[in-house]
Amino acid sequence: MARFKAALILLVMLLTFAPMLALAGPAEDADVVVNRWAAAFTANDADAVVKLYTPDAILLGTASTVIAEGTAPIRDYFKGLPGTGNKVAIGDHRTAVLSDGAVLVTGFYEFTPIRNGQPTPTPARFTFIVVKRDGEWLIAHHHSSRRPEPVQ
């Protein structure tokens, strides 16, 4: 009887959660990667940030004067992140599925670096291309730039 109840509970759980799994698709998977990137950045974990990029990824960073292509240059770009207290919050954004294995995510985020001991909100905009490689969703391209002041 105990086995029957356990099997019944398992069946009910599968039937309950299976539709949720079916609803997840490339757009949702890409959004998860972008949110992981933001969480790793906010945790000031440069290694976790870099692991979210493909080995041949291209990064045009907000404060960069060069195009970082590949793991080593991307790691170099984020090397100053640990211990800074810098944060980022994803804001309004759009997600466009390009194919089953490629998604474009573009929008706004706000960096909050610590300058002279004070948080300094810095609005920026981003574009990520997130791709599925060997069953894993990773960032293949990332462009970031300061957000212009609104025209008055």
Protein backbone atom coordinates (compact mmCIF):
# COMPACT_ATOMS: atom_id res chain seq x y z
CA MET A 1 0.00 0.00 0.00
CA ALA A 2 2.86 2.41 0.80
CA ARG A 3 4.40 1.79 -2.65
CA PHE A 4 1.06 2.45 -4.32
CA LYS A 5 0.67 5.76 -2.47
CA ALA A 6 4.23 6.77 -3.37
CA ALA A 7 3.63 5.89 -7.03
CA LEU A 8 0.36 7.80 -7.01
CA ILE A 9 2.01 10.88 -5.49
CA LEU A 10 4.79 10.69 -8.08
CA LEU A 11 2.24 10.41 -10.90
CA VAL A 12 0.28 13.41 -9.61
CA MET A 13 3.51 15.44 -9.35
CA LEU A 14 4.52 14.54 -12.89
CA LEU A 15 1.11 15.45 -14.26
CA THR A 16 1.17 18.71 -12.30
CA PHE A 17 4.63 19.88 -13.35
CA ALA A 18 4.88 18.44 -16.88
CA PRO A 19 2.92 21.35 -18.43
CA MET A 20 5.32 23.82 -16.81
CA LEU A 21 8.28 22.04 -18.35
CA ALA A 22 6.59 22.08 -21.74
CA LEU A 23 6.10 25.85 -21.53
CA ALA A 24 9.82 26.53 -21.20
CA GLY A 25 11.43 27.21 -24.54
CA PRO A 26 14.39 29.04 -26.05
CA ALA A 27 13.17 32.49 -24.95
CA GLU A 28 12.77 31.42 -21.33
CA ASP A 29 16.10 29.57 -21.38
CA ALA A 30 17.88 32.66 -22.71
CA ASP A 31 16.24 34.88 -20.09
CA VAL A 32 17.52 32.50 -17.41
CA VAL A 33 21.08 32.95 -18.71
CA VAL A 34 20.76 36.75 -18.70
CA ASN A 35 19.42 36.66 -15.14
CA ARG A 36 22.27 34.34 -14.09
CA TRP A 37 24.71 36.79 -15.64
CA ALA A 38 23.17 39.64 -13.62
CA ALA A 39 23.22 37.57 -10.42
CA ALA A 40 26.87 36.57 -10.93
CA PHE A 41 27.84 40.18 -11.71
CA THR A 42 26.00 41.44 -8.62
CA ALA A 43 27.76 38.75 -6.54
CA ASN A 44 31.02 40.15 -7.96
CA ASP A 45 31.89 36.60 -9.08
CA ALA A 46 33.98 37.15 -12.20
CA ASP A 47 34.57 33.40 -12.70
CA ALA A 48 30.81 32.72 -12.69
CA VAL A 49 30.26 35.58 -15.15
CA VAL A 50 32.94 34.31 -17.54
CA LYS A 51 31.57 30.74 -17.43
CA LEU A 52 28.32 32.01 -18.94
CA TYR A 53 30.08 32.90 -22.22
CA THR A 54 30.95 30.53 -25.07
CA PRO A 55 34.70 29.98 -25.56
CA ASP A 56 34.52 32.08 -28.75
CA ALA A 57 32.16 34.74 -27.42
CA ILE A 58 32.48 38.40 -28.34
CA LEU A 59 32.07 41.11 -25.68
CA LEU A 60 31.89 44.80 -26.37
CA GLY A 61 31.83 45.99 -22.79
CA THR A 62 30.40 49.25 -21.49
CA ALA A 63 33.79 50.54 -20.38
CA SER A 64 35.95 48.78 -22.97
CA THR A 65 38.04 50.35 -25.71
CA VAL A 66 38.54 46.97 -27.42
CA ILE A 67 36.45 44.05 -28.62
CA ALA A 68 37.05 41.13 -26.25
CA GLU A 69 36.89 37.87 -28.19
CA GLY A 70 37.29 34.56 -26.40
CA THR A 71 37.55 33.46 -22.81
CA ALA A 72 40.89 35.08 -21.88
CA PRO A 73 40.01 38.62 -23.06
CA ILE A 74 36.55 38.36 -21.47
CA ARG A 75 38.12 37.18 -18.21
CA ASP A 76 40.52 40.14 -18.44
CA TYR A 77 37.59 42.53 -18.89
CA PHE A 78 35.91 41.28 -15.70
CA LYS A 79 39.11 40.82 -13.63
CA GLY A 80 38.46 43.95 -11.54
CA LEU A 81 34.93 42.93 -10.55
CA PRO A 82 35.60 40.84 -7.39
CA GLY A 83 35.20 42.79 -4.18
CA THR A 84 33.88 45.97 -5.82
CA GLY A 85 30.34 45.80 -4.50
CA ASN A 86 29.13 46.69 -8.00
CA LYS A 87 25.61 45.60 -8.88
CA VAL A 88 23.42 45.38 -11.95
CA ALA A 89 19.64 45.15 -12.29
CA ILE A 90 17.97 44.02 -15.51
CA GLY A 91 15.17 46.36 -16.52
CA ASP A 92 12.82 46.54 -19.47
CA HIS A 93 13.94 44.09 -22.14
CA ARG A 94 12.75 42.12 -25.15
CA THR A 95 13.51 38.56 -26.15
CA ALA A 96 13.40 37.36 -29.77
CA VAL A 97 13.84 33.71 -30.71
CA LEU A 98 16.05 33.51 -33.79
CA SER A 99 15.99 29.69 -33.94
CA ASP A 100 15.70 26.71 -31.60
CA GLY A 101 19.32 27.32 -30.65
CA ALA A 102 19.75 31.11 -30.78
CA VAL A 103 17.96 33.92 -28.97
CA LEU A 104 18.43 37.69 -28.96
CA VAL A 105 17.81 39.51 -25.67
CA THR A 106 18.03 43.29 -25.72
CA GLY A 107 17.04 46.00 -23.30
CA PHE A 108 18.11 48.17 -20.42
CA TYR A 109 19.97 47.52 -17.23
CA GLU A 110 21.31 49.72 -14.50
CA PHE A 111 24.77 49.29 -13.09
CA THR A 112 25.40 50.57 -9.60
CA PRO A 113 29.14 50.86 -9.15
CA ILE A 114 30.59 52.09 -5.88
CA ARG A 115 32.54 55.30 -6.40
CA ASN A 116 34.16 57.11 -3.50
CA GLY A 117 32.23 54.81 -1.18
CA GLN A 118 28.87 55.77 -2.70
CA PRO A 119 26.56 53.85 -5.03
CA THR A 120 26.41 55.61 -8.38
CA PRO A 121 23.53 54.44 -10.61
CA THR A 122 24.63 54.19 -14.24
CA PRO A 123 21.90 53.42 -16.79
CA ALA A 124 23.04 51.27 -19.70
CA ARG A 125 21.62 49.20 -22.53
CA PHE A 126 22.51 45.70 -23.66
CA THR A 127 22.23 43.11 -26.37
CA PHE A 128 22.94 39.45 -25.69
CA ILE A 129 22.87 36.65 -28.21
CA VAL A 130 22.40 33.44 -26.27
CA VAL A 131 23.03 30.14 -28.04
CA LYS A 132 22.56 26.48 -27.22
CA ARG A 133 25.80 24.54 -27.44
CA ASP A 134 26.07 20.90 -26.42
CA GLY A 135 22.76 21.20 -24.59
CA GLU A 136 23.81 24.28 -22.59
CA TRP A 137 22.64 27.88 -23.12
CA LEU A 138 25.55 30.35 -23.16
CA ILE A 139 26.26 33.92 -24.22
CA ALA A 140 27.87 34.13 -27.67
CA HIS A 141 27.71 37.90 -28.06
CA HIS A 142 27.26 40.73 -25.56
CA HIS A 143 27.19 44.44 -26.34
CA SER A 144 26.76 47.02 -23.60
CA SER A 145 26.81 50.79 -23.72
CA ARG A 146 25.83 53.68 -21.51
CA ARG A 147 22.24 54.74 -21.92
CA PRO A 148 21.96 58.28 -23.26
CA GLU A 149 20.19 60.93 -21.23
CA PRO A 150 16.61 61.54 -22.37
CA VAL A 151 16.24 64.43 -24.81
CA GLN A 152 14.28 67.29 -23.28
